[in-house]
Amino acid sequence: MQPDLELVHIRKGESFAAWMHGYPFRTVRWHYHPEYEIHLVVATSGRFYIGDHIGRFEPGQLVVTGPNLPQNWISEIEPGEVVPTRSLVIQFPESFIESCIAGMAEMDAVAPLLKRSHRGLLFDKATSDVVRPLMERAIEARGLARLSLFYQILDVVANAREPEVLASLSYELDLSNINESGINRAIAYLRENLTDDIDEGALAEMVGQSTSTFSRAFKRHTGTTLVRYKNQLRIDLACLTLLTRPEIKVAEICYETGFSNLSNFNRHFQKLKGMSPSQFRATFAANGVFKAAE
């Protein structure tokens, strides 16, 4: 099932949306929107989905997501129960934040945070505790006071303890503007031929480097080895297949994504996703992300 587009309403004379909602609520579904979002849960616990990440949430969870990243939070409440305020939300357009960065040198510090948020970022409780009163005030404030609070919130999250990155590498890399040289060219080739048996030597030759030089450069660029990176991308592809083609058996997906045997596939999947492929598919199906095959 494709995520629904959420239309974010930004009032006339304002640069961003700041609001709160309860649970159940109309926006609580598998959805996406072109705006960045700062999302703080203040009540209930349950299960949340960011891209292909599945996790548990509880009060105090603070997440920042980039544009068009599918997401949902499903609270575990009693039948008929209504929670007046479940989440505090700030949403801001890419054009607005880009103009801020272009016009104010101090905003350069926010750029790395925004780039990483394309995979979703989960912050610690200490950061959440600082951000919550600022978000509550921003929801009520108007004019320059509101804008000042927005910048304070950005300053806190940009300088916070390293957040946990949620969605997989497939949500981080945008190849539409990738340059045609060096490691980026090798990564692009690897992604386009992901299920083929490509070794480090072949990629090194492609970019005109020795294998050892390429290996060092690749690890600096990606933070991991080629083998691990390739396995992670293959698991990412498997996750996409599990979600979009529920009629395909797990064993078929294993071989389609380039793994040579099912036990190896299951081991890597469990390590990266914290559950088996079958559990991954069943969890999304149970929460209405897609309709599982009969």
C-alpha atoms as a PDB file:
ATOM      1  CA  MET A   1       0.000   0.000   0.000  1.00  0.00           C
ATOM      2  CA  GLN A   2       1.356   3.393  -1.009  1.00  0.00           C
ATOM      3  CA  PRO A   3       1.549   6.043   1.745  1.00  0.00           C
ATOM      4  CA  ASP A   4      -1.049   8.812   1.640  1.00  0.00           C
ATOM      5  CA  LEU A   5      -0.005  12.383   0.934  1.00  0.00           C
ATOM      6  CA  GLU A   6      -0.652  14.625   3.933  1.00  0.00           C
ATOM      7  CA  LEU A   7      -1.431  18.210   2.993  1.00  0.00           C
ATOM      8  CA  VAL A   8       0.298  20.422   5.553  1.00  0.00           C
ATOM      9  CA  HIS A   9      -1.563  23.645   6.252  1.00  0.00           C
ATOM     10  CA  ILE A  10       0.664  26.672   6.918  1.00  0.00           C
ATOM     11  CA  ARG A  11      -1.342  29.740   7.825  1.00  0.00           C
ATOM     12  CA  LYS A  12      -1.049  32.971   5.883  1.00  0.00           C
ATOM     13  CA  GLY A  13       1.695  35.182   7.308  1.00  0.00           C
ATOM     14  CA  GLU A  14       3.564  32.209   8.842  1.00  0.00           C
ATOM     15  CA  SER A  15       6.586  30.257   7.609  1.00  0.00           C
ATOM     16  CA  PHE A  16       5.896  26.921   9.268  1.00  0.00           C
ATOM     17  CA  ALA A  17       3.155  24.899  10.951  1.00  0.00           C
ATOM     18  CA  ALA A  18       3.212  24.315  14.731  1.00  0.00           C
ATOM     19  CA  TRP A  19       0.357  22.326  16.218  1.00  0.00           C
ATOM     20  CA  MET A  20      -0.681  19.405  18.387  1.00  0.00           C
ATOM     21  CA  HIS A  21      -3.080  16.534  17.922  1.00  0.00           C
ATOM     22  CA  GLY A  22      -4.682  13.777  19.919  1.00  0.00           C
ATOM     23  CA  TYR A  23      -5.337  10.121  19.212  1.00  0.00           C
ATOM     24  CA  PRO A  24      -7.113   8.787  17.232  1.00  0.00           C
ATOM     25  CA  PHE A  25      -6.640  11.527  14.630  1.00  0.00           C
ATOM     26  CA  ARG A  26      -7.063  11.879  10.852  1.00  0.00           C
ATOM     27  CA  THR A  27      -3.324  12.198  10.129  1.00  0.00           C
ATOM     28  CA  VAL A  28      -2.478   8.997  12.007  1.00  0.00           C
ATOM     29  CA  ARG A  29      -1.969   6.708   9.033  1.00  0.00           C
ATOM     30  CA  TRP A  30       0.859   5.582   6.733  1.00  0.00           C
ATOM     31  CA  HIS A  31       1.632   8.940   5.105  1.00  0.00           C
ATOM     32  CA  TYR A  32       4.247  11.360   3.798  1.00  0.00           C
ATOM     33  CA  HIS A  33       4.545  15.080   3.092  1.00  0.00           C
ATOM     34  CA  PRO A  34       7.108  17.326   1.344  1.00  0.00           C
ATOM     35  CA  GLU A  35       7.855  19.221   4.565  1.00  0.00           C
ATOM     36  CA  TYR A  36      10.458  18.485   7.245  1.00  0.00           C
ATOM     37  CA  GLU A  37       8.862  17.476  10.548  1.00  0.00           C
ATOM     38  CA  ILE A  38       9.788  17.646  14.231  1.00  0.00           C
ATOM     39  CA  HIS A  39       7.546  15.174  16.068  1.00  0.00           C
ATOM     40  CA  LEU A  40       7.373  14.829  19.850  1.00  0.00           C
ATOM     41  CA  VAL A  41       5.157  12.225  21.523  1.00  0.00           C
ATOM     42  CA  VAL A  42       3.775  13.441  24.871  1.00  0.00           C
ATOM     43  CA  ALA A  43       1.295  10.646  25.683  1.00  0.00           C
ATOM     44  CA  THR A  44       0.717   6.914  25.008  1.00  0.00           C
ATOM     45  CA  SER A  45       3.110   4.230  23.833  1.00  0.00           C
ATOM     46  CA  GLY A  46       2.998   1.951  20.820  1.00  0.00           C
ATOM     47  CA  ARG A  47       4.725   1.128  17.571  1.00  0.00           C
ATOM     48  CA  PHE A  48       6.113   3.567  15.019  1.00  0.00           C
ATOM     49  CA  TYR A  49       7.236   3.299  11.395  1.00  0.00           C
ATOM     50  CA  ILE A  50       9.776   5.551   9.661  1.00  0.00           C
ATOM     51  CA  GLY A  51      10.554   4.428   6.107  1.00  0.00           C
ATOM     52  CA  ASP A  52      11.468   0.773   6.581  1.00  0.00           C
ATOM     53  CA  HIS A  53      12.229   1.157  10.307  1.00  0.00           C
ATOM     54  CA  ILE A  54       9.931  -0.366  12.934  1.00  0.00           C
ATOM     55  CA  GLY A  55      10.296   0.601  16.587  1.00  0.00           C
ATOM     56  CA  ARG A  56       8.566   1.182  19.901  1.00  0.00           C
ATOM     57  CA  PHE A  57       7.717   4.659  21.177  1.00  0.00           C
ATOM     58  CA  GLU A  58       6.695   6.083  24.514  1.00  0.00           C
ATOM     59  CA  PRO A  59       6.122   9.587  25.921  1.00  0.00           C
ATOM     60  CA  GLY A  60       9.157  11.786  25.314  1.00  0.00           C
ATOM     61  CA  GLN A  61      10.110  10.329  21.942  1.00  0.00           C
ATOM     62  CA  LEU A  62      11.531  13.073  19.682  1.00  0.00           C
ATOM     63  CA  VAL A  63      11.970  12.390  15.960  1.00  0.00           C
ATOM     64  CA  VAL A  64      12.990  14.655  13.063  1.00  0.00           C
ATOM     65  CA  THR A  65      12.085  13.503   9.546  1.00  0.00           C
ATOM     66  CA  GLY A  66      13.032  14.859   6.133  1.00  0.00           C
ATOM     67  CA  PRO A  67      10.782  15.498   3.118  1.00  0.00           C
ATOM     68  CA  ASN A  68       8.649  12.670   1.706  1.00  0.00           C
ATOM     69  CA  LEU A  69       9.740  10.070   4.249  1.00  0.00           C
ATOM     70  CA  PRO A  70       6.775   7.722   4.940  1.00  0.00           C
ATOM     71  CA  GLN A  71       5.877   7.521   8.623  1.00  0.00           C
ATOM     72  CA  ASN A  72       3.238   6.553  11.173  1.00  0.00           C
ATOM     73  CA  TRP A  73       2.773   6.275  14.945  1.00  0.00           C
ATOM     74  CA  ILE A  74       0.148   3.817  16.221  1.00  0.00           C
ATOM     75  CA  SER A  75      -0.752   4.145  19.902  1.00  0.00           C
ATOM     76  CA  GLU A  76      -1.871   1.205  21.996  1.00  0.00           C
ATOM     77  CA  ILE A  77      -5.036   2.377  23.742  1.00  0.00           C
ATOM     78  CA  GLU A  78      -8.232   0.793  25.009  1.00  0.00           C
ATOM     79  CA  PRO A  79     -11.179   0.467  22.576  1.00  0.00           C
ATOM     80  CA  GLY A  80     -13.118   3.727  22.574  1.00  0.00           C
ATOM     81  CA  GLU A  81     -10.379   5.615  24.446  1.00  0.00           C
ATOM     82  CA  VAL A  82      -9.598   9.125  23.243  1.00  0.00           C
ATOM     83  CA  VAL A  83      -6.303  10.872  24.070  1.00  0.00           C
ATOM     84  CA  PRO A  84      -6.672  14.700  23.877  1.00  0.00           C
ATOM     85  CA  THR A  85      -2.983  15.423  23.121  1.00  0.00           C
ATOM     86  CA  ARG A  86      -0.705  12.691  21.797  1.00  0.00           C
ATOM     87  CA  SER A  87       1.868  14.598  19.697  1.00  0.00           C
ATOM     88  CA  LEU A  88       3.438  18.032  19.298  1.00  0.00           C
ATOM     89  CA  VAL A  89       4.355  18.756  15.670  1.00  0.00           C
ATOM     90  CA  ILE A  90       6.353  21.354  13.759  1.00  0.00           C
ATOM     91  CA  GLN A  91       6.440  21.127   9.946  1.00  0.00           C
ATOM     92  CA  PHE A  92       8.434  23.439   7.697  1.00  0.00           C
ATOM     93  CA  PRO A  93       8.929  23.576   3.912  1.00  0.00           C
ATOM     94  CA  GLU A  94      12.250  22.802   2.279  1.00  0.00           C
ATOM     95  CA  SER A  95      12.164  26.158   0.440  1.00  0.00           C
ATOM     96  CA  PHE A  96      11.795  28.045   3.740  1.00  0.00           C
ATOM     97  CA  ILE A  97      14.712  26.359   5.489  1.00  0.00           C
ATOM     98  CA  GLU A  98      16.925  26.580   2.396  1.00  0.00           C
ATOM     99  CA  SER A  99      16.302  30.336   2.181  1.00  0.00           C
ATOM    100  CA  CYS A 100      17.199  30.619   5.891  1.00  0.00           C
ATOM    101  CA  ILE A 101      20.482  28.782   5.320  1.00  0.00           C
ATOM    102  CA  ALA A 102      21.259  30.872   2.231  1.00  0.00           C
ATOM    103  CA  GLY A 103      20.543  34.143   4.029  1.00  0.00           C
ATOM    104  CA  MET A 104      22.104  33.548   7.443  1.00  0.00           C
ATOM    105  CA  ALA A 105      25.627  32.185   7.917  1.00  0.00           C
ATOM    106  CA  GLU A 106      24.740  30.906  11.398  1.00  0.00           C
ATOM    107  CA  MET A 107      22.243  28.483   9.837  1.00  0.00           C
ATOM    108  CA  ASP A 108      25.046  26.480   8.203  1.00  0.00           C
ATOM    109  CA  ALA A 109      25.213  24.458  11.427  1.00  0.00           C
ATOM    110  CA  VAL A 110      21.737  23.073  10.698  1.00  0.00           C
ATOM    111  CA  ALA A 111      22.537  21.730   7.208  1.00  0.00           C
ATOM    112  CA  PRO A 112      24.098  18.398   8.351  1.00  0.00           C
ATOM    113  CA  LEU A 113      21.080  17.698  10.561  1.00  0.00           C
ATOM    114  CA  LEU A 114      18.687  18.306   7.673  1.00  0.00           C
ATOM    115  CA  LYS A 115      20.643  16.027   5.371  1.00  0.00           C
ATOM    116  CA  ARG A 116      20.623  13.150   7.873  1.00  0.00           C
ATOM    117  CA  SER A 117      16.926  13.664   8.632  1.00  0.00           C
ATOM    118  CA  HIS A 118      16.045  12.200   5.226  1.00  0.00           C
ATOM    119  CA  ARG A 119      16.345   8.825   6.978  1.00  0.00           C
ATOM    120  CA  GLY A 120      14.660   9.963  10.201  1.00  0.00           C
ATOM    121  CA  LEU A 121      16.516  10.876  13.411  1.00  0.00           C
ATOM    122  CA  LEU A 122      15.608   9.723  16.924  1.00  0.00           C
ATOM    123  CA  PHE A 123      16.906  11.929  19.774  1.00  0.00           C
ATOM    124  CA  ASP A 124      17.557  11.076  23.413  1.00  0.00           C
ATOM    125  CA  LYS A 125      15.258  12.031  26.280  1.00  0.00           C
ATOM    126  CA  ALA A 126      17.534  14.819  27.497  1.00  0.00           C
ATOM    127  CA  THR A 127      17.101  16.584  24.153  1.00  0.00           C
ATOM    128  CA  SER A 128      13.365  15.896  24.195  1.00  0.00           C
ATOM    129  CA  ASP A 129      13.047  17.448  27.666  1.00  0.00           C
ATOM    130  CA  VAL A 130      14.640  20.675  26.421  1.00  0.00           C
ATOM    131  CA  VAL A 131      12.630  20.790  23.187  1.00  0.00           C
ATOM    132  CA  ARG A 132       9.183  20.105  24.673  1.00  0.00           C
ATOM    133  CA  PRO A 133       8.563  23.469  26.394  1.00  0.00           C
ATOM    134  CA  LEU A 134       9.911  25.291  23.324  1.00  0.00           C
ATOM    135  CA  MET A 135       7.474  23.435  21.062  1.00  0.00           C
ATOM    136  CA  GLU A 136       4.589  24.089  23.450  1.00  0.00           C
ATOM    137  CA  ARG A 137       5.375  27.800  23.426  1.00  0.00           C
ATOM    138  CA  ALA A 138       5.833  27.857  19.634  1.00  0.00           C
ATOM    139  CA  ILE A 139       2.358  26.389  19.166  1.00  0.00           C
ATOM    140  CA  GLU A 140       0.855  29.303  21.114  1.00  0.00           C
ATOM    141  CA  ALA A 141       3.223  32.096  19.988  1.00  0.00           C
ATOM    142  CA  ARG A 142       2.788  34.527  17.104  1.00  0.00           C
ATOM    143  CA  GLY A 143       5.062  36.749  15.047  1.00  0.00           C
ATOM    144  CA  LEU A 144       8.779  37.055  15.719  1.00  0.00           C
ATOM    145  CA  ALA A 145       8.464  35.297  19.089  1.00  0.00           C
ATOM    146  CA  ARG A 146       7.250  32.204  17.242  1.00  0.00           C
ATOM    147  CA  LEU A 147      10.112  32.391  14.761  1.00  0.00           C
ATOM    148  CA  SER A 148      12.619  32.832  17.583  1.00  0.00           C
ATOM    149  CA  LEU A 149      11.346  29.653  19.256  1.00  0.00           C
ATOM    150  CA  PHE A 150      11.682  27.762  15.983  1.00  0.00           C
ATOM    151  CA  TYR A 151      15.348  28.763  15.727  1.00  0.00           C
ATOM    152  CA  GLN A 152      15.917  27.772  19.356  1.00  0.00           C
ATOM    153  CA  ILE A 153      14.491  24.321  18.655  1.00  0.00           C
ATOM    154  CA  LEU A 154      16.738  23.917  15.613  1.00  0.00           C
ATOM    155  CA  ASP A 155      19.728  24.982  17.677  1.00  0.00           C
ATOM    156  CA  VAL A 156      18.964  22.364  20.332  1.00  0.00           C
ATOM    157  CA  VAL A 157      18.568  19.443  17.901  1.00  0.00           C
ATOM    158  CA  ALA A 158      21.524  20.534  15.736  1.00  0.00           C
ATOM    159  CA  ASN A 159      23.808  20.499  18.787  1.00  0.00           C
ATOM    160  CA  ALA A 160      22.278  17.509  20.558  1.00  0.00           C
ATOM    161  CA  ARG A 161      23.954  14.228  21.337  1.00  0.00           C
ATOM    162  CA  GLU A 162      24.301  12.120  18.184  1.00  0.00           C
ATOM    163  CA  PRO A 163      20.781  10.882  17.285  1.00  0.00           C
ATOM    164  CA  GLU A 164      19.925   7.388  16.103  1.00  0.00           C
ATOM    165  CA  VAL A 165      19.412   7.152  12.322  1.00  0.00           C
ATOM    166  CA  LEU A 166      16.226   5.184  11.644  1.00  0.00           C
ATOM    167  CA  ALA A 167      15.534   4.252   8.014  1.00  0.00           C
ATOM    168  CA  SER A 168      18.014   2.319   5.914  1.00  0.00           C
ATOM    169  CA  LEU A 169      20.570   3.554   3.404  1.00  0.00           C
ATOM    170  CA  SER A 170      18.001   3.482   0.608  1.00  0.00           C
ATOM    171  CA  TYR A 171      16.340   6.505   2.183  1.00  0.00           C
ATOM    172  CA  GLU A 172      19.586   8.431   2.563  1.00  0.00           C
ATOM    173  CA  LEU A 173      21.111   8.352  -0.885  1.00  0.00           C
ATOM    174  CA  ASP A 174      19.532  10.496  -3.606  1.00  0.00           C
ATOM    175  CA  LEU A 175      21.178   9.530  -6.871  1.00  0.00           C
ATOM    176  CA  SER A 176      19.375  12.151  -8.964  1.00  0.00           C
ATOM    177  CA  ASN A 177      22.240  14.617  -8.501  1.00  0.00           C
ATOM    178  CA  ILE A 178      25.093  12.217  -7.906  1.00  0.00           C
ATOM    179  CA  ASN A 179      28.375  13.218  -9.562  1.00  0.00           C
ATOM    180  CA  GLU A 180      30.040  10.926 -12.054  1.00  0.00           C
ATOM    181  CA  SER A 181      33.434  10.442 -10.444  1.00  0.00           C
ATOM    182  CA  GLY A 182      35.147   8.464  -7.711  1.00  0.00           C
ATOM    183  CA  ILE A 183      33.317   6.685  -4.934  1.00  0.00           C
ATOM    184  CA  ASN A 184      29.922   8.133  -5.857  1.00  0.00           C
ATOM    185  CA  ARG A 185      30.201   6.640  -9.347  1.00  0.00           C
ATOM    186  CA  ALA A 186      31.141   3.270  -7.848  1.00  0.00           C
ATOM    187  CA  ILE A 187      28.180   3.436  -5.445  1.00  0.00           C
ATOM    188  CA  ALA A 188      25.829   4.321  -8.297  1.00  0.00           C
ATOM    189  CA  TYR A 189      27.088   1.356 -10.321  1.00  0.00           C
ATOM    190  CA  LEU A 190      26.793  -0.937  -7.306  1.00  0.00           C
ATOM    191  CA  ARG A 191      23.195   0.100  -6.690  1.00  0.00           C
ATOM    192  CA  GLU A 192      22.251  -0.340 -10.349  1.00  0.00           C
ATOM    193  CA  ASN A 193      23.793  -3.824 -10.410  1.00  0.00           C
ATOM    194  CA  LEU A 194      23.121  -4.771  -6.807  1.00  0.00           C
ATOM    195  CA  THR A 195      22.207  -8.409  -7.403  1.00  0.00           C
ATOM    196  CA  ASP A 196      25.320  -9.121  -9.495  1.00  0.00           C
ATOM    197  CA  ASP A 197      28.510 -10.548  -8.029  1.00  0.00           C
ATOM    198  CA  ILE A 198      30.599  -7.358  -7.948  1.00  0.00           C
ATOM    199  CA  ASP A 199      33.869  -7.355  -6.033  1.00  0.00           C
ATOM    200  CA  GLU A 200      36.081  -4.560  -4.748  1.00  0.00           C
ATOM    201  CA  GLY A 201      38.668  -5.083  -7.463  1.00  0.00           C
ATOM    202  CA  ALA A 202      36.171  -4.433 -10.246  1.00  0.00           C
ATOM    203  CA  LEU A 203      34.911  -1.226  -8.649  1.00  0.00           C
ATOM    204  CA  ALA A 204      38.464  -0.052  -7.955  1.00  0.00           C
ATOM    205  CA  GLU A 205      39.378  -0.590 -11.608  1.00  0.00           C
ATOM    206  CA  MET A 206      36.272   1.350 -12.663  1.00  0.00           C
ATOM    207  CA  VAL A 207      37.373   4.467 -10.771  1.00  0.00           C
ATOM    208  CA  GLY A 208      41.067   4.094 -11.572  1.00  0.00           C
ATOM    209  CA  GLN A 209      42.329   3.174  -8.120  1.00  0.00           C
ATOM    210  CA  SER A 210      44.187   0.286  -6.594  1.00  0.00           C
ATOM    211  CA  THR A 211      42.035  -2.105  -4.589  1.00  0.00           C
ATOM    212  CA  SER A 212      43.594  -1.057  -1.285  1.00  0.00           C
ATOM    213  CA  THR A 213      43.174   2.676  -2.029  1.00  0.00           C
ATOM    214  CA  PHE A 214      39.580   2.146  -3.095  1.00  0.00           C
ATOM    215  CA  SER A 215      38.853   0.075   0.015  1.00  0.00           C
ATOM    216  CA  ARG A 216      40.111   2.820   2.322  1.00  0.00           C
ATOM    217  CA  ALA A 217      38.265   5.540   0.402  1.00  0.00           C
ATOM    218  CA  PHE A 218      35.038   3.542   0.359  1.00  0.00           C
ATOM    219  CA  LYS A 219      35.110   3.022   4.118  1.00  0.00           C
ATOM    220  CA  ARG A 220      35.794   6.730   4.748  1.00  0.00           C
ATOM    221  CA  HIS A 221      32.881   7.668   2.479  1.00  0.00           C
ATOM    222  CA  THR A 222      30.296   5.173   3.722  1.00  0.00           C
ATOM    223  CA  GLY A 223      31.552   4.293   7.210  1.00  0.00           C
ATOM    224  CA  THR A 224      31.615   0.580   6.438  1.00  0.00           C
ATOM    225  CA  THR A 225      33.174  -2.059   4.182  1.00  0.00           C
ATOM    226  CA  LEU A 226      31.950  -2.875   0.682  1.00  0.00           C
ATOM    227  CA  VAL A 227      30.668  -6.309   1.748  1.00  0.00           C
ATOM    228  CA  ARG A 228      28.624  -4.897   4.631  1.00  0.00           C
ATOM    229  CA  TYR A 229      27.376  -1.989   2.548  1.00  0.00           C
ATOM    230  CA  LYS A 230      26.296  -4.314  -0.256  1.00  0.00           C
ATOM    231  CA  ASN A 231      24.516  -6.625   2.191  1.00  0.00           C
ATOM    232  CA  GLN A 232      22.700  -3.694   3.748  1.00  0.00           C
ATOM    233  CA  LEU A 233      21.537  -2.419   0.357  1.00  0.00           C
ATOM    234  CA  ARG A 234      20.344  -5.911  -0.541  1.00  0.00           C
ATOM    235  CA  ILE A 235      18.397  -6.130   2.713  1.00  0.00           C
ATOM    236  CA  ASP A 236      16.941  -2.682   1.966  1.00  0.00           C
ATOM    237  CA  LEU A 237      15.798  -3.997  -1.418  1.00  0.00           C
ATOM    238  CA  ALA A 238      14.347  -7.059   0.282  1.00  0.00           C
ATOM    239  CA  CYS A 239      12.373  -4.825   2.676  1.00  0.00           C
ATOM    240  CA  LEU A 240      10.916  -2.890  -0.237  1.00  0.00           C
ATOM    241  CA  THR A 241       9.923  -6.145  -1.934  1.00  0.00           C
ATOM    242  CA  LEU A 242       8.387  -7.488   1.266  1.00  0.00           C
ATOM    243  CA  LEU A 243       6.229  -4.357   1.559  1.00  0.00           C
ATOM    244  CA  THR A 244       5.233  -3.861  -2.075  1.00  0.00           C
ATOM    245  CA  ARG A 245       4.902  -7.477  -3.255  1.00  0.00           C
ATOM    246  CA  PRO A 246       3.247  -9.395  -0.409  1.00  0.00           C
ATOM    247  CA  GLU A 247       2.479 -12.300  -2.760  1.00  0.00           C
ATOM    248  CA  ILE A 248       6.199 -13.133  -3.245  1.00  0.00           C
ATOM    249  CA  LYS A 249       7.635 -15.790  -0.949  1.00  0.00           C
ATOM    250  CA  VAL A 250      10.574 -14.929   1.305  1.00  0.00           C
ATOM    251  CA  ALA A 251      12.775 -17.567  -0.355  1.00  0.00           C
ATOM    252  CA  GLU A 252      12.179 -15.997  -3.780  1.00  0.00           C
ATOM    253  CA  ILE A 253      13.067 -12.556  -2.413  1.00  0.00           C
ATOM    254  CA  CYS A 254      16.284 -13.984  -0.990  1.00  0.00           C
ATOM    255  CA  TYR A 255      17.554 -15.042  -4.421  1.00  0.00           C
ATOM    256  CA  GLU A 256      16.082 -12.027  -6.247  1.00  0.00           C
ATOM    257  CA  THR A 257      18.120  -9.684  -4.055  1.00  0.00           C
ATOM    258  CA  GLY A 258      21.439 -11.433  -4.670  1.00  0.00           C
ATOM    259  CA  PHE A 259      21.845 -13.755  -1.668  1.00  0.00           C
ATOM    260  CA  SER A 260      23.062 -17.258  -2.466  1.00  0.00           C
ATOM    261  CA  ASN A 261      21.242 -19.094   0.340  1.00  0.00           C
ATOM    262  CA  LEU A 262      18.273 -18.549   2.611  1.00  0.00           C
ATOM    263  CA  SER A 263      20.068 -19.010   5.934  1.00  0.00           C
ATOM    264  CA  ASN A 264      22.606 -16.306   5.048  1.00  0.00           C
ATOM    265  CA  PHE A 265      19.785 -13.974   3.984  1.00  0.00           C
ATOM    266  CA  ASN A 266      17.839 -14.580   7.206  1.00  0.00           C
ATOM    267  CA  ARG A 267      20.952 -14.024   9.329  1.00  0.00           C
ATOM    268  CA  HIS A 268      21.759 -10.656   7.727  1.00  0.00           C
ATOM    269  CA  PHE A 269      18.110  -9.580   7.836  1.00  0.00           C
ATOM    270  CA  GLN A 270      17.804 -10.420  11.540  1.00  0.00           C
ATOM    271  CA  LYS A 271      21.021  -8.549  12.315  1.00  0.00           C
ATOM    272  CA  LEU A 272      20.026  -5.373  10.449  1.00  0.00           C
ATOM    273  CA  LYS A 273      16.292  -5.264  11.182  1.00  0.00           C
ATOM    274  CA  GLY A 274      16.036  -7.040  14.527  1.00  0.00           C
ATOM    275  CA  MET A 275      13.479  -9.540  13.228  1.00  0.00           C
ATOM    276  CA  SER A 276      13.056 -12.159  10.542  1.00  0.00           C
ATOM    277  CA  PRO A 277      11.776 -11.267   7.028  1.00  0.00           C
ATOM    278  CA  SER A 278       8.468 -12.989   7.805  1.00  0.00           C
ATOM    279  CA  GLN A 279       8.067 -11.032  11.045  1.00  0.00           C
ATOM    280  CA  PHE A 280       8.913  -7.794   9.231  1.00  0.00           C
ATOM    281  CA  ARG A 281       6.204  -8.393   6.629  1.00  0.00           C
ATOM    282  CA  ALA A 282       3.641  -9.561   9.197  1.00  0.00           C
ATOM    283  CA  THR A 283       4.237  -6.528  11.444  1.00  0.00           C
ATOM    284  CA  PHE A 284       3.554  -4.051   8.650  1.00  0.00           C
ATOM    285  CA  ALA A 285       0.522  -6.035   7.466  1.00  0.00           C
ATOM    286  CA  ALA A 286      -0.942  -6.186  10.990  1.00  0.00           C
ATOM    287  CA  ASN A 287      -0.825  -2.395  11.282  1.00  0.00           C
ATOM    288  CA  GLY A 288      -2.414  -1.657   7.928  1.00  0.00           C
ATOM    289  CA  VAL A 289       0.658  -0.515   6.011  1.00  0.00           C
ATOM    290  CA  PHE A 290      -0.344  -2.834   3.195  1.00  0.00           C
ATOM    291  CA  LYS A 291      -2.836  -5.579   2.613  1.00  0.00           C
ATOM    292  CA  ALA A 292      -1.090  -8.904   2.940  1.00  0.00           C
ATOM    293  CA  ALA A 293      -1.769 -11.623   0.421  1.00  0.00           C
ATOM    294  CA  GLU A 294      -4.281 -14.261   1.404  1.00  0.00           C
END
